[in-house]
Full PDB file with SEQRES, HELIX, SHEET, SSBOND, CRYST1, ORIGX, SCALE, CONECT and MASTER records, all heavy atoms in Angstrom:
SEQRES   1 A   30  ALA ALA ARG GLN HIS ILE ILE ALA ASP LEU LYS MET GLU          
SEQRES   2 A   30  GLY TRP THR GLU SER ASP PRO PHE PRO LYS ASP GLU GLY          
SEQRES   3 A   30  HIS TYR LYS LYS                                              
HELIX    1 AA1 ALA A    2  MET A   12  1                                  11    
HELIX    2 AA2 GLU A   25  LYS A   29  1                                   5    
CRYST1    1.000    1.000    1.000  90.00  90.00  90.00 P 1           1          
ORIGX1      1.000000  0.000000  0.000000        0.00000                         
ORIGX2      0.000000  1.000000  0.000000        0.00000                         
ORIGX3      0.000000  0.000000  1.000000        0.00000                         
SCALE1      1.000000  0.000000  0.000000        0.00000                         
SCALE2      0.000000  1.000000  0.000000        0.00000                         
SCALE3      0.000000  0.000000  1.000000        0.00000                         
ATOM      1  N   ALA A   1      -3.223  12.267  -6.231  1.00  0.00           N  
ATOM      2  CA  ALA A   1      -1.891  12.512  -5.697  1.00  0.00           C  
ATOM      3  C   ALA A   1      -1.651  11.643  -4.432  1.00  0.00           C  
ATOM      4  O   ALA A   1      -0.540  11.097  -4.200  1.00  0.00           O  
ATOM      5  CB  ALA A   1      -1.697  13.951  -5.391  1.00  0.00           C  
ATOM      6  N   ALA A   2      -2.647  11.503  -3.582  1.00  0.00           N  
ATOM      7  CA  ALA A   2      -2.544  10.757  -2.368  1.00  0.00           C  
ATOM      8  C   ALA A   2      -2.263   9.274  -2.698  1.00  0.00           C  
ATOM      9  O   ALA A   2      -1.461   8.653  -2.065  1.00  0.00           O  
ATOM     10  CB  ALA A   2      -3.730  10.870  -1.505  1.00  0.00           C  
ATOM     11  N   ARG A   3      -3.012   8.781  -3.669  1.00  0.00           N  
ATOM     12  CA  ARG A   3      -2.899   7.365  -4.043  1.00  0.00           C  
ATOM     13  C   ARG A   3      -1.432   7.107  -4.610  1.00  0.00           C  
ATOM     14  O   ARG A   3      -0.795   6.125  -4.244  1.00  0.00           O  
ATOM     15  CB  ARG A   3      -3.856   6.957  -5.104  1.00  0.00           C  
ATOM     16  CG  ARG A   3      -3.832   5.488  -5.483  1.00  0.00           C  
ATOM     17  CD  ARG A   3      -4.980   5.141  -6.444  1.00  0.00           C  
ATOM     18  NE  ARG A   3      -4.909   3.769  -6.812  1.00  0.00           N  
ATOM     19  CZ  ARG A   3      -5.382   2.739  -6.113  1.00  0.00           C  
ATOM     20  NH1 ARG A   3      -6.015   2.989  -4.962  1.00  0.00           N  
ATOM     21  NH2 ARG A   3      -5.291   1.511  -6.491  1.00  0.00           N  
ATOM     22  N   GLN A   4      -0.891   8.065  -5.399  1.00  0.00           N  
ATOM     23  CA  GLN A   4       0.457   7.889  -5.892  1.00  0.00           C  
ATOM     24  C   GLN A   4       1.451   7.927  -4.743  1.00  0.00           C  
ATOM     25  O   GLN A   4       2.439   7.147  -4.719  1.00  0.00           O  
ATOM     26  CB  GLN A   4       0.758   9.017  -6.928  1.00  0.00           C  
ATOM     27  CG  GLN A   4       2.130   8.882  -7.505  1.00  0.00           C  
ATOM     28  CD  GLN A   4       2.346   7.573  -8.225  1.00  0.00           C  
ATOM     29  OE1 GLN A   4       1.445   7.024  -8.899  1.00  0.00           O  
ATOM     30  NE2 GLN A   4       3.533   6.984  -8.113  1.00  0.00           N  
ATOM     31  N   HIS A   5       1.272   8.818  -3.814  1.00  0.00           N  
ATOM     32  CA  HIS A   5       2.089   8.901  -2.587  1.00  0.00           C  
ATOM     33  C   HIS A   5       2.121   7.569  -1.870  1.00  0.00           C  
ATOM     34  O   HIS A   5       3.172   7.031  -1.527  1.00  0.00           O  
ATOM     35  CB  HIS A   5       1.563  10.038  -1.697  1.00  0.00           C  
ATOM     36  CG  HIS A   5       2.283  10.157  -0.394  1.00  0.00           C  
ATOM     37  ND1 HIS A   5       2.767  11.331   0.079  1.00  0.00           N  
ATOM     38  CD2 HIS A   5       2.472   9.244   0.655  1.00  0.00           C  
ATOM     39  CE1 HIS A   5       3.279  11.178   1.288  1.00  0.00           C  
ATOM     40  NE2 HIS A   5       3.140   9.951   1.604  1.00  0.00           N  
ATOM     41  N   ILE A   6       0.961   7.038  -1.640  1.00  0.00           N  
ATOM     42  CA  ILE A   6       0.792   5.809  -0.875  1.00  0.00           C  
ATOM     43  C   ILE A   6       1.443   4.636  -1.640  1.00  0.00           C  
ATOM     44  O   ILE A   6       2.209   3.839  -1.053  1.00  0.00           O  
ATOM     45  CB  ILE A   6      -0.722   5.499  -0.611  1.00  0.00           C  
ATOM     46  CG1 ILE A   6      -1.230   6.483   0.398  1.00  0.00           C  
ATOM     47  CG2 ILE A   6      -0.886   4.064  -0.105  1.00  0.00           C  
ATOM     48  CD1 ILE A   6      -2.777   6.467   0.520  1.00  0.00           C  
ATOM     49  N   ILE A   7       1.244   4.549  -2.921  1.00  0.00           N  
ATOM     50  CA  ILE A   7       1.878   3.525  -3.746  1.00  0.00           C  
ATOM     51  C   ILE A   7       3.424   3.586  -3.645  1.00  0.00           C  
ATOM     52  O   ILE A   7       4.086   2.574  -3.463  1.00  0.00           O  
ATOM     53  CB  ILE A   7       1.407   3.568  -5.194  1.00  0.00           C  
ATOM     54  CG1 ILE A   7      -0.077   3.075  -5.241  1.00  0.00           C  
ATOM     55  CG2 ILE A   7       2.321   2.745  -6.146  1.00  0.00           C  
ATOM     56  CD1 ILE A   7      -0.738   3.251  -6.575  1.00  0.00           C  
ATOM     57  N   ALA A   8       3.948   4.819  -3.739  1.00  0.00           N  
ATOM     58  CA  ALA A   8       5.396   4.979  -3.658  1.00  0.00           C  
ATOM     59  C   ALA A   8       5.910   4.470  -2.291  1.00  0.00           C  
ATOM     60  O   ALA A   8       6.906   3.780  -2.286  1.00  0.00           O  
ATOM     61  CB  ALA A   8       5.807   6.447  -3.875  1.00  0.00           C  
ATOM     62  N   ASP A   9       5.237   4.839  -1.268  1.00  0.00           N  
ATOM     63  CA  ASP A   9       5.625   4.385   0.070  1.00  0.00           C  
ATOM     64  C   ASP A   9       5.440   2.864   0.276  1.00  0.00           C  
ATOM     65  O   ASP A   9       6.287   2.217   0.879  1.00  0.00           O  
ATOM     66  CB  ASP A   9       4.865   5.158   1.137  1.00  0.00           C  
ATOM     67  CG  ASP A   9       5.397   6.582   1.303  1.00  0.00           C  
ATOM     68  OD1 ASP A   9       6.336   7.004   0.633  1.00  0.00           O  
ATOM     69  OD2 ASP A   9       4.743   7.320   2.113  1.00  0.00           O  
ATOM     70  N   LEU A  10       4.342   2.341  -0.244  1.00  0.00           N  
ATOM     71  CA  LEU A  10       4.104   0.869  -0.099  1.00  0.00           C  
ATOM     72  C   LEU A  10       5.191   0.086  -0.784  1.00  0.00           C  
ATOM     73  O   LEU A  10       5.665  -0.900  -0.273  1.00  0.00           O  
ATOM     74  CB  LEU A  10       2.724   0.516  -0.682  1.00  0.00           C  
ATOM     75  CG  LEU A  10       1.502   0.876   0.114  1.00  0.00           C  
ATOM     76  CD1 LEU A  10       0.245   0.581  -0.722  1.00  0.00           C  
ATOM     77  CD2 LEU A  10       1.489   0.200   1.455  1.00  0.00           C  
ATOM     78  N   LYS A  11       5.628   0.554  -1.933  1.00  0.00           N  
ATOM     79  CA  LYS A  11       6.686  -0.118  -2.670  1.00  0.00           C  
ATOM     80  C   LYS A  11       7.992  -0.141  -1.878  1.00  0.00           C  
ATOM     81  O   LYS A  11       8.733  -1.143  -2.006  1.00  0.00           O  
ATOM     82  CB  LYS A  11       6.886   0.533  -4.046  1.00  0.00           C  
ATOM     83  CG  LYS A  11       5.814   0.157  -5.032  1.00  0.00           C  
ATOM     84  CD  LYS A  11       5.985   0.839  -6.365  1.00  0.00           C  
ATOM     85  CE  LYS A  11       4.906   0.415  -7.382  1.00  0.00           C  
ATOM     86  NZ  LYS A  11       5.128   0.991  -8.687  1.00  0.00           N  
ATOM     87  N   MET A  12       8.205   0.829  -1.090  1.00  0.00           N  
ATOM     88  CA  MET A  12       9.382   0.828  -0.182  1.00  0.00           C  
ATOM     89  C   MET A  12       9.282  -0.279   0.871  1.00  0.00           C  
ATOM     90  O   MET A  12      10.323  -0.669   1.393  1.00  0.00           O  
ATOM     91  CB  MET A  12       9.520   2.206   0.465  1.00  0.00           C  
ATOM     92  CG  MET A  12       9.729   3.335  -0.432  1.00  0.00           C  
ATOM     93  SD  MET A  12      11.276   3.288  -1.369  1.00  0.00           S  
ATOM     94  CE  MET A  12      12.453   3.504  -0.048  1.00  0.00           C  
ATOM     95  N   GLU A  13       8.072  -0.774   1.121  1.00  0.00           N  
ATOM     96  CA  GLU A  13       7.924  -1.791   2.137  1.00  0.00           C  
ATOM     97  C   GLU A  13       7.789  -3.199   1.454  1.00  0.00           C  
ATOM     98  O   GLU A  13       7.416  -4.158   2.145  1.00  0.00           O  
ATOM     99  CB  GLU A  13       6.660  -1.498   2.948  1.00  0.00           C  
ATOM    100  CG  GLU A  13       6.872  -0.188   3.760  1.00  0.00           C  
ATOM    101  CD  GLU A  13       5.722   0.066   4.722  1.00  0.00           C  
ATOM    102  OE1 GLU A  13       5.091  -0.919   5.182  1.00  0.00           O  
ATOM    103  OE2 GLU A  13       5.433   1.221   4.976  1.00  0.00           O  
ATOM    104  N   GLY A  14       7.951  -3.295   0.169  1.00  0.00           N  
ATOM    105  CA  GLY A  14       7.935  -4.547  -0.515  1.00  0.00           C  
ATOM    106  C   GLY A  14       6.601  -4.853  -1.193  1.00  0.00           C  
ATOM    107  O   GLY A  14       6.442  -5.924  -1.791  1.00  0.00           O  
ATOM    108  N   TRP A  15       5.645  -3.975  -1.133  1.00  0.00           N  
ATOM    109  CA  TRP A  15       4.342  -4.163  -1.788  1.00  0.00           C  
ATOM    110  C   TRP A  15       4.560  -4.060  -3.298  1.00  0.00           C  
ATOM    111  O   TRP A  15       5.414  -3.290  -3.743  1.00  0.00           O  
ATOM    112  CB  TRP A  15       3.421  -3.071  -1.298  1.00  0.00           C  
ATOM    113  CG  TRP A  15       2.041  -3.086  -1.856  1.00  0.00           C  
ATOM    114  CD1 TRP A  15       0.990  -3.774  -1.366  1.00  0.00           C  
ATOM    115  CD2 TRP A  15       1.587  -2.308  -2.976  1.00  0.00           C  
ATOM    116  NE1 TRP A  15      -0.157  -3.484  -2.130  1.00  0.00           N  
ATOM    117  CE2 TRP A  15       0.176  -2.603  -3.170  1.00  0.00           C  
ATOM    118  CE3 TRP A  15       2.170  -1.422  -3.912  1.00  0.00           C  
ATOM    119  CZ2 TRP A  15      -0.583  -2.067  -4.164  1.00  0.00           C  
ATOM    120  CZ3 TRP A  15       1.446  -0.895  -4.904  1.00  0.00           C  
ATOM    121  CH2 TRP A  15       0.063  -1.185  -5.002  1.00  0.00           C  
ATOM    122  N   THR A  16       3.775  -4.813  -4.042  1.00  0.00           N  
ATOM    123  CA  THR A  16       3.806  -4.729  -5.514  1.00  0.00           C  
ATOM    124  C   THR A  16       2.368  -4.480  -5.967  1.00  0.00           C  
ATOM    125  O   THR A  16       1.427  -4.699  -5.280  1.00  0.00           O  
ATOM    126  CB  THR A  16       4.331  -6.032  -6.128  1.00  0.00           C  
ATOM    127  OG1 THR A  16       3.369  -7.058  -5.922  1.00  0.00           O  
ATOM    128  CG2 THR A  16       5.657  -6.460  -5.619  1.00  0.00           C  
ATOM    129  N   GLU A  17       2.276  -3.991  -7.207  1.00  0.00           N  
ATOM    130  CA  GLU A  17       0.934  -3.648  -7.727  1.00  0.00           C  
ATOM    131  C   GLU A  17       0.022  -4.887  -7.916  1.00  0.00           C  
ATOM    132  O   GLU A  17      -1.153  -4.783  -8.137  1.00  0.00           O  
ATOM    133  CB  GLU A  17       1.068  -2.824  -8.981  1.00  0.00           C  
ATOM    134  CG  GLU A  17       1.697  -1.447  -8.609  1.00  0.00           C  
ATOM    135  CD  GLU A  17       1.572  -0.363  -9.649  1.00  0.00           C  
ATOM    136  OE1 GLU A  17       0.523  -0.426 -10.380  1.00  0.00           O  
ATOM    137  OE2 GLU A  17       2.458   0.428  -9.682  1.00  0.00           O  
ATOM    138  N   SER A  18       0.599  -6.097  -7.813  1.00  0.00           N  
ATOM    139  CA  SER A  18      -0.200  -7.259  -7.874  1.00  0.00           C  
ATOM    140  C   SER A  18      -0.770  -7.608  -6.525  1.00  0.00           C  
ATOM    141  O   SER A  18      -1.692  -8.460  -6.385  1.00  0.00           O  
ATOM    142  CB  SER A  18       0.614  -8.478  -8.450  1.00  0.00           C  
ATOM    143  OG  SER A  18       1.695  -8.759  -7.588  1.00  0.00           O  
ATOM    144  N   ASP A  19      -0.297  -7.000  -5.440  1.00  0.00           N  
ATOM    145  CA  ASP A  19      -0.801  -7.150  -4.080  1.00  0.00           C  
ATOM    146  C   ASP A  19      -2.083  -6.314  -4.011  1.00  0.00           C  
ATOM    147  O   ASP A  19      -2.228  -5.303  -4.646  1.00  0.00           O  
ATOM    148  CB  ASP A  19       0.184  -6.710  -3.069  1.00  0.00           C  
ATOM    149  CG  ASP A  19       1.469  -7.561  -3.010  1.00  0.00           C  
ATOM    150  OD1 ASP A  19       1.345  -8.758  -3.261  1.00  0.00           O  
ATOM    151  OD2 ASP A  19       2.539  -6.987  -2.746  1.00  0.00           O  
ATOM    152  N   PRO A  20      -2.969  -6.737  -3.037  1.00  0.00           N  
ATOM    153  CA  PRO A  20      -4.135  -5.902  -2.800  1.00  0.00           C  
ATOM    154  C   PRO A  20      -3.738  -4.600  -2.221  1.00  0.00           C  
ATOM    155  O   PRO A  20      -2.773  -4.460  -1.467  1.00  0.00           O  
ATOM    156  CB  PRO A  20      -5.002  -6.708  -1.829  1.00  0.00           C  
ATOM    157  CG  PRO A  20      -4.056  -7.708  -1.220  1.00  0.00           C  
ATOM    158  CD  PRO A  20      -2.973  -7.927  -2.190  1.00  0.00           C  
ATOM    159  N   PHE A  21      -4.504  -3.549  -2.563  1.00  0.00           N  
ATOM    160  CA  PHE A  21      -4.312  -2.209  -1.936  1.00  0.00           C  
ATOM    161  C   PHE A  21      -4.887  -2.285  -0.541  1.00  0.00           C  
ATOM    162  O   PHE A  21      -5.999  -2.713  -0.330  1.00  0.00           O  
ATOM    163  CB  PHE A  21      -4.956  -1.141  -2.754  1.00  0.00           C  
ATOM    164  CG  PHE A  21      -4.504   0.244  -2.504  1.00  0.00           C  
ATOM    165  CD1 PHE A  21      -3.422   0.745  -3.179  1.00  0.00           C  
ATOM    166  CD2 PHE A  21      -5.148   1.054  -1.599  1.00  0.00           C  
ATOM    167  CE1 PHE A  21      -2.887   2.033  -2.908  1.00  0.00           C  
ATOM    168  CE2 PHE A  21      -4.688   2.342  -1.313  1.00  0.00           C  
ATOM    169  CZ  PHE A  21      -3.586   2.817  -2.024  1.00  0.00           C  
ATOM    170  N   PRO A  22      -4.126  -1.849   0.515  1.00  0.00           N  
ATOM    171  CA  PRO A  22      -4.653  -1.899   1.859  1.00  0.00           C  
ATOM    172  C   PRO A  22      -5.989  -1.188   2.003  1.00  0.00           C  
ATOM    173  O   PRO A  22      -6.151  -0.053   1.497  1.00  0.00           O  
ATOM    174  CB  PRO A  22      -3.550  -1.299   2.714  1.00  0.00           C  
ATOM    175  CG  PRO A  22      -2.343  -1.295   1.887  1.00  0.00           C  
ATOM    176  CD  PRO A  22      -2.816  -1.265   0.427  1.00  0.00           C  
ATOM    177  N   LYS A  23      -6.962  -1.812   2.704  1.00  0.00           N  
ATOM    178  CA  LYS A  23      -8.267  -1.217   2.889  1.00  0.00           C  
ATOM    179  C   LYS A  23      -8.296  -0.186   4.007  1.00  0.00           C  
ATOM    180  O   LYS A  23      -8.953   0.817   3.926  1.00  0.00           O  
ATOM    181  CB  LYS A  23      -9.323  -2.288   3.141  1.00  0.00           C  
ATOM    182  CG  LYS A  23      -9.444  -3.226   1.971  1.00  0.00           C  
ATOM    183  CD  LYS A  23     -10.403  -4.346   2.279  1.00  0.00           C  
ATOM    184  CE  LYS A  23     -10.421  -5.367   1.199  1.00  0.00           C  
ATOM    185  NZ  LYS A  23     -11.171  -6.550   1.546  1.00  0.00           N  
ATOM    186  N   ASP A  24      -7.672  -0.576   5.117  1.00  0.00           N  
ATOM    187  CA  ASP A  24      -7.700   0.249   6.345  1.00  0.00           C  
ATOM    188  C   ASP A  24      -6.546  -0.129   7.241  1.00  0.00           C  
ATOM    189  O   ASP A  24      -5.734  -0.995   6.803  1.00  0.00           O  
ATOM    190  CB  ASP A  24      -9.048   0.073   7.052  1.00  0.00           C  
ATOM    191  CG  ASP A  24      -9.449  -1.347   7.367  1.00  0.00           C  
ATOM    192  OD1 ASP A  24      -8.486  -2.190   7.498  1.00  0.00           O  
ATOM    193  OD2 ASP A  24     -10.611  -1.659   7.450  1.00  0.00           O  
ATOM    194  N   GLU A  25      -6.501   0.414   8.411  1.00  0.00           N  
ATOM    195  CA  GLU A  25      -5.371   0.172   9.305  1.00  0.00           C  
ATOM    196  C   GLU A  25      -5.231  -1.341   9.651  1.00  0.00           C  
ATOM    197  O   GLU A  25      -4.113  -1.899   9.586  1.00  0.00           O  
ATOM    198  CB  GLU A  25      -5.470   0.973  10.572  1.00  0.00           C  
ATOM    199  CG  GLU A  25      -4.285   0.799  11.535  1.00  0.00           C  
ATOM    200  CD  GLU A  25      -4.390   1.692  12.736  1.00  0.00           C  
ATOM    201  OE1 GLU A  25      -5.182   2.689  12.790  1.00  0.00           O  
ATOM    202  OE2 GLU A  25      -3.606   1.423  13.671  1.00  0.00           O  
ATOM    203  N   GLY A  26      -6.336  -1.986   9.946  1.00  0.00           N  
ATOM    204  CA  GLY A  26      -6.301  -3.450  10.247  1.00  0.00           C  
ATOM    205  C   GLY A  26      -5.809  -4.271   9.099  1.00  0.00           C  
ATOM    206  O   GLY A  26      -4.961  -5.144   9.289  1.00  0.00           O  
ATOM    207  N   HIS A  27      -6.236  -3.960   7.945  1.00  0.00           N  
ATOM    208  CA  HIS A  27      -5.855  -4.730   6.725  1.00  0.00           C  
ATOM    209  C   HIS A  27      -4.342  -4.431   6.467  1.00  0.00           C  
ATOM    210  O   HIS A  27      -3.612  -5.389   6.094  1.00  0.00           O  
ATOM    211  CB  HIS A  27      -6.692  -4.335   5.518  1.00  0.00           C  
ATOM    212  CG  HIS A  27      -6.470  -5.154   4.329  1.00  0.00           C  
ATOM    213  ND1 HIS A  27      -6.308  -4.605   3.061  1.00  0.00           N  
ATOM    214  CD2 HIS A  27      -6.331  -6.503   4.121  1.00  0.00           C  
ATOM    215  CE1 HIS A  27      -6.104  -5.548   2.185  1.00  0.00           C  
ATOM    216  NE2 HIS A  27      -6.160  -6.714   2.817  1.00  0.00           N  
ATOM    217  N   TYR A  28      -3.936  -3.184   6.633  1.00  0.00           N  
ATOM    218  CA  TYR A  28      -2.518  -2.822   6.444  1.00  0.00           C  
ATOM    219  C   TYR A  28      -1.652  -3.667   7.368  1.00  0.00           C  
ATOM    220  O   TYR A  28      -0.649  -4.270   6.944  1.00  0.00           O  
ATOM    221  CB  TYR A  28      -2.347  -1.330   6.828  1.00  0.00           C  
ATOM    222  CG  TYR A  28      -1.082  -0.694   6.357  1.00  0.00           C  
ATOM    223  CD1 TYR A  28      -0.963   0.024   5.202  1.00  0.00           C  
ATOM    224  CD2 TYR A  28       0.065  -0.815   7.187  1.00  0.00           C  
ATOM    225  CE1 TYR A  28       0.194   0.605   4.821  1.00  0.00           C  
ATOM    226  CE2 TYR A  28       1.281  -0.231   6.809  1.00  0.00           C  
ATOM    227  CZ  TYR A  28       1.328   0.512   5.626  1.00  0.00           C  
ATOM    228  OH  TYR A  28       2.499   1.071   5.243  1.00  0.00           O  
ATOM    229  N   LYS A  29      -2.057  -3.807   8.623  1.00  0.00           N  
ATOM    230  CA  LYS A  29      -1.265  -4.622   9.579  1.00  0.00           C  
ATOM    231  C   LYS A  29      -1.306  -6.079   9.206  1.00  0.00           C  
ATOM    232  O   LYS A  29      -0.282  -6.768   9.246  1.00  0.00           O  
ATOM    233  CB  LYS A  29      -1.814  -4.433  10.989  1.00  0.00           C  
ATOM    234  CG  LYS A  29      -1.561  -3.063  11.591  1.00  0.00           C  
ATOM    235  CD  LYS A  29      -2.219  -3.060  12.986  1.00  0.00           C  
ATOM    236  CE  LYS A  29      -2.081  -1.684  13.644  1.00  0.00           C  
ATOM    237  NZ  LYS A  29      -2.784  -1.671  14.949  1.00  0.00           N  
ATOM    238  N   LYS A  30      -2.515  -6.556   8.833  1.00  0.00           N  
ATOM    239  CA  LYS A  30      -2.639  -7.984   8.452  1.00  0.00           C  
ATOM    240  C   LYS A  30      -1.741  -8.345   7.281  1.00  0.00           C  
ATOM    241  O   LYS A  30      -1.223  -9.436   7.187  1.00  0.00           O  
ATOM    242  CB  LYS A  30      -4.137  -8.238   8.097  1.00  0.00           C  
ATOM    243  CG  LYS A  30      -4.401  -9.674   7.854  1.00  0.00           C  
ATOM    244  CD  LYS A  30      -5.904  -9.920   7.667  1.00  0.00           C  
ATOM    245  CE  LYS A  30      -6.189 -11.381   7.466  1.00  0.00           C  
ATOM    246  NZ  LYS A  30      -7.641 -11.623   7.209  1.00  0.00           N  
TER     247      LYS A  30                                                      
MASTER        0    0    0    2    0    0    0    6  246    1    0    3          
END                                                                             
């Protein structure tokens, strides 16, 4: 459920499923 939540939110920021899944806070920012 958490992963689905995160994916839904990431998509709102322009992330696509072909992009890497963020590893941690630093990677998220990068």
